N, C-alpha and C. Protein backbone atom coordinates (compact mmCIF):
# COMPACT_ATOMS: atom_id res chain seq x y z
N MET A 1 -107.96 80.08 335.16
CA MET A 1 -107.60 78.80 335.76
C MET A 1 -106.66 78.06 334.81
N LYS A 2 -105.57 77.53 335.36
CA LYS A 2 -104.61 76.77 334.57
C LYS A 2 -105.18 75.39 334.25
N PRO A 3 -104.83 74.85 333.07
CA PRO A 3 -105.25 73.48 332.76
C PRO A 3 -104.61 72.49 333.74
N VAL A 4 -105.37 71.50 334.11
CA VAL A 4 -104.88 70.49 335.03
C VAL A 4 -104.14 69.43 334.22
N ALA A 5 -102.96 69.07 334.70
CA ALA A 5 -102.17 68.05 334.01
C ALA A 5 -102.88 66.71 334.12
N LYS A 6 -102.90 65.98 333.02
CA LYS A 6 -103.45 64.63 333.03
C LYS A 6 -102.29 63.67 332.86
N ILE A 7 -102.13 62.81 333.83
CA ILE A 7 -101.03 61.86 333.80
C ILE A 7 -101.61 60.47 333.62
N LYS A 8 -101.12 59.79 332.57
CA LYS A 8 -101.58 58.43 332.31
C LYS A 8 -100.38 57.51 332.27
N SER A 9 -100.60 56.36 332.80
CA SER A 9 -99.59 55.32 332.70
C SER A 9 -100.16 54.28 331.75
N THR A 10 -99.67 54.30 330.52
CA THR A 10 -100.23 53.39 329.51
C THR A 10 -99.13 52.58 328.85
N LEU A 11 -99.56 51.50 328.26
CA LEU A 11 -98.67 50.62 327.52
C LEU A 11 -99.34 50.39 326.17
N ASP A 12 -98.72 50.88 325.11
CA ASP A 12 -99.27 50.65 323.77
C ASP A 12 -98.76 49.30 323.28
N ILE A 13 -99.70 48.49 322.84
CA ILE A 13 -99.37 47.10 322.50
C ILE A 13 -99.80 46.77 321.08
N GLN A 14 -98.94 46.07 320.39
CA GLN A 14 -99.30 45.45 319.12
C GLN A 14 -98.99 43.98 319.26
N LEU A 15 -100.01 43.15 319.03
CA LEU A 15 -99.83 41.70 319.15
C LEU A 15 -99.75 41.07 317.77
N ASP A 16 -98.86 40.11 317.64
CA ASP A 16 -98.79 39.30 316.43
C ASP A 16 -99.73 38.12 316.67
N LEU A 17 -100.88 38.13 316.00
CA LEU A 17 -101.89 37.10 316.25
C LEU A 17 -101.50 35.74 315.71
N THR A 18 -100.35 35.66 315.04
CA THR A 18 -99.85 34.34 314.63
C THR A 18 -99.06 33.69 315.76
N ARG A 19 -98.75 34.45 316.80
CA ARG A 19 -98.05 33.92 317.98
C ARG A 19 -98.63 34.54 319.25
N PRO A 20 -99.91 34.27 319.50
CA PRO A 20 -100.57 34.94 320.62
C PRO A 20 -100.03 34.58 321.99
N VAL A 21 -99.65 33.34 322.19
CA VAL A 21 -99.17 32.94 323.53
C VAL A 21 -97.89 33.69 323.88
N GLU A 22 -96.96 33.71 322.94
CA GLU A 22 -95.68 34.38 323.20
C GLU A 22 -95.88 35.87 323.45
N ASP A 23 -96.70 36.51 322.60
CA ASP A 23 -96.89 37.95 322.74
C ASP A 23 -97.67 38.30 324.00
N LEU A 24 -98.70 37.53 324.32
CA LEU A 24 -99.45 37.80 325.55
C LEU A 24 -98.56 37.59 326.78
N THR A 25 -97.71 36.60 326.74
CA THR A 25 -96.77 36.36 327.84
C THR A 25 -95.84 37.56 328.03
N GLU A 26 -95.36 38.12 326.93
CA GLU A 26 -94.50 39.30 327.00
C GLU A 26 -95.26 40.50 327.59
N VAL A 27 -96.51 40.66 327.19
CA VAL A 27 -97.32 41.77 327.70
C VAL A 27 -97.54 41.60 329.21
N ILE A 28 -97.91 40.40 329.61
CA ILE A 28 -98.12 40.15 331.04
C ILE A 28 -96.85 40.43 331.83
N SER A 29 -95.73 39.97 331.31
CA SER A 29 -94.45 40.23 331.98
C SER A 29 -94.17 41.72 332.10
N ALA A 30 -94.46 42.48 331.05
CA ALA A 30 -94.23 43.93 331.08
C ALA A 30 -95.13 44.61 332.10
N VAL A 31 -96.38 44.17 332.17
CA VAL A 31 -97.32 44.78 333.11
C VAL A 31 -96.91 44.49 334.55
N ILE A 32 -96.60 43.25 334.85
CA ILE A 32 -96.25 42.95 336.25
C ILE A 32 -94.89 43.55 336.62
N ALA A 33 -94.01 43.72 335.64
CA ALA A 33 -92.73 44.39 335.93
C ALA A 33 -92.95 45.86 336.28
N SER A 34 -93.99 46.46 335.67
CA SER A 34 -94.26 47.87 335.95
C SER A 34 -95.08 48.07 337.22
N GLN A 35 -95.62 47.00 337.77
CA GLN A 35 -96.46 47.05 338.96
C GLN A 35 -96.04 45.98 339.97
N PRO A 36 -94.80 46.00 340.42
CA PRO A 36 -94.33 44.91 341.29
C PRO A 36 -95.14 44.74 342.58
N ALA A 37 -95.67 45.82 343.12
CA ALA A 37 -96.44 45.72 344.35
C ALA A 37 -97.80 45.06 344.12
N ARG A 38 -98.28 45.06 342.87
CA ARG A 38 -99.59 44.48 342.55
C ARG A 38 -99.46 43.17 341.78
N ARG A 39 -98.24 42.63 341.74
CA ARG A 39 -97.98 41.42 340.96
C ARG A 39 -98.94 40.28 341.30
N LYS A 40 -99.09 39.99 342.58
CA LYS A 40 -99.97 38.89 342.99
C LYS A 40 -101.42 39.18 342.60
N GLU A 41 -101.89 40.40 342.82
CA GLU A 41 -103.25 40.79 342.46
C GLU A 41 -103.50 40.62 340.96
N ILE A 42 -102.55 41.07 340.15
CA ILE A 42 -102.68 40.97 338.70
C ILE A 42 -102.71 39.51 338.26
N LEU A 43 -101.76 38.73 338.76
CA LEU A 43 -101.69 37.32 338.36
C LEU A 43 -102.90 36.53 338.87
N THR A 44 -103.40 36.86 340.04
CA THR A 44 -104.59 36.19 340.56
C THR A 44 -105.79 36.50 339.68
N GLY A 45 -105.93 37.76 339.30
CA GLY A 45 -107.03 38.14 338.41
C GLY A 45 -106.95 37.44 337.07
N LEU A 46 -105.75 37.34 336.53
CA LEU A 46 -105.56 36.63 335.27
C LEU A 46 -105.85 35.14 335.43
N ASP A 47 -105.43 34.58 336.55
CA ASP A 47 -105.69 33.16 336.82
C ASP A 47 -107.19 32.88 336.84
N ILE A 48 -107.95 33.75 337.48
CA ILE A 48 -109.40 33.58 337.54
C ILE A 48 -110.01 33.71 336.14
N ALA A 49 -109.59 34.73 335.39
CA ALA A 49 -110.14 34.93 334.05
C ALA A 49 -109.81 33.77 333.12
N VAL A 50 -108.58 33.28 333.17
CA VAL A 50 -108.18 32.15 332.33
C VAL A 50 -108.91 30.89 332.78
N GLY A 51 -109.02 30.68 334.08
CA GLY A 51 -109.74 29.52 334.59
C GLY A 51 -111.20 29.52 334.15
N ASN A 52 -111.84 30.68 334.20
CA ASN A 52 -113.23 30.78 333.75
C ASN A 52 -113.36 30.49 332.26
N ALA A 53 -112.43 31.01 331.47
CA ALA A 53 -112.46 30.77 330.03
C ALA A 53 -112.25 29.29 329.71
N LEU A 54 -111.32 28.65 330.41
CA LEU A 54 -111.08 27.23 330.20
C LEU A 54 -112.27 26.38 330.63
N ALA A 55 -112.92 26.77 331.73
CA ALA A 55 -114.10 26.04 332.20
C ALA A 55 -115.23 26.15 331.17
N GLU A 56 -115.38 27.31 330.57
CA GLU A 56 -116.41 27.50 329.54
C GLU A 56 -116.12 26.63 328.31
N ILE A 57 -114.85 26.58 327.91
CA ILE A 57 -114.46 25.74 326.77
C ILE A 57 -114.71 24.27 327.10
N GLN A 58 -114.33 23.84 328.29
CA GLN A 58 -114.52 22.44 328.68
C GLN A 58 -116.01 22.10 328.72
N SER A 59 -116.82 22.99 329.25
CA SER A 59 -118.26 22.76 329.31
C SER A 59 -118.84 22.60 327.90
N GLN A 60 -118.42 23.47 326.99
CA GLN A 60 -118.89 23.39 325.61
C GLN A 60 -118.44 22.09 324.95
N GLU A 61 -117.20 21.70 325.19
CA GLU A 61 -116.69 20.44 324.63
C GLU A 61 -117.48 19.25 325.15
N GLU A 62 -117.82 19.28 326.44
CA GLU A 62 -118.61 18.19 327.02
C GLU A 62 -120.01 18.14 326.42
N LYS A 63 -120.61 19.31 326.20
CA LYS A 63 -121.93 19.36 325.55
C LYS A 63 -121.85 18.82 324.14
N ASP A 64 -120.80 19.23 323.41
CA ASP A 64 -120.62 18.76 322.03
C ASP A 64 -120.42 17.26 322.00
N GLN A 65 -119.64 16.74 322.94
CA GLN A 65 -119.39 15.29 323.00
C GLN A 65 -120.68 14.54 323.29
N LYS A 66 -121.49 15.06 324.22
CA LYS A 66 -122.75 14.42 324.56
C LYS A 66 -123.68 14.43 323.34
N THR A 67 -123.72 15.54 322.63
CA THR A 67 -124.55 15.64 321.42
C THR A 67 -124.08 14.62 320.39
N ASN A 68 -122.79 14.50 320.21
CA ASN A 68 -122.24 13.54 319.24
C ASN A 68 -122.55 12.11 319.67
N ASP A 69 -122.42 11.80 320.96
CA ASP A 69 -122.73 10.47 321.46
C ASP A 69 -124.21 10.15 321.29
N ASP A 70 -125.06 11.13 321.58
CA ASP A 70 -126.51 10.92 321.45
C ASP A 70 -126.91 10.69 320.00
N SER A 71 -126.30 11.43 319.09
CA SER A 71 -126.67 11.30 317.68
C SER A 71 -126.11 10.02 317.05
N SER A 72 -125.09 9.44 317.65
CA SER A 72 -124.52 8.23 317.09
C SER A 72 -125.13 6.98 317.73
N GLY A 73 -126.02 7.19 318.69
CA GLY A 73 -126.71 6.06 319.31
C GLY A 73 -125.95 5.42 320.45
N LYS A 74 -124.83 6.00 320.87
CA LYS A 74 -124.07 5.45 321.98
C LYS A 74 -124.82 5.69 323.28
N VAL A 75 -124.67 4.76 324.19
CA VAL A 75 -125.28 4.89 325.51
C VAL A 75 -124.16 5.14 326.51
N SER A 76 -124.34 6.16 327.33
CA SER A 76 -123.32 6.49 328.33
C SER A 76 -123.48 5.65 329.55
């Protein structure tokens, strides 16, 4: 039996963590350029993931603010 060819479509990425926004933006652009038919699906998925991450950060900030207000004796 002949070996079966394995075909992968991959993108090797190195990010400069001193400029994450710029590099992530370039990666996203490269991915959607390689998948034009799935552009909306990809961007929608990213929108949901980013929205969830931001909501988690906001929730934590609100908890921290409430803790700080409670410990300083402020009344809401």
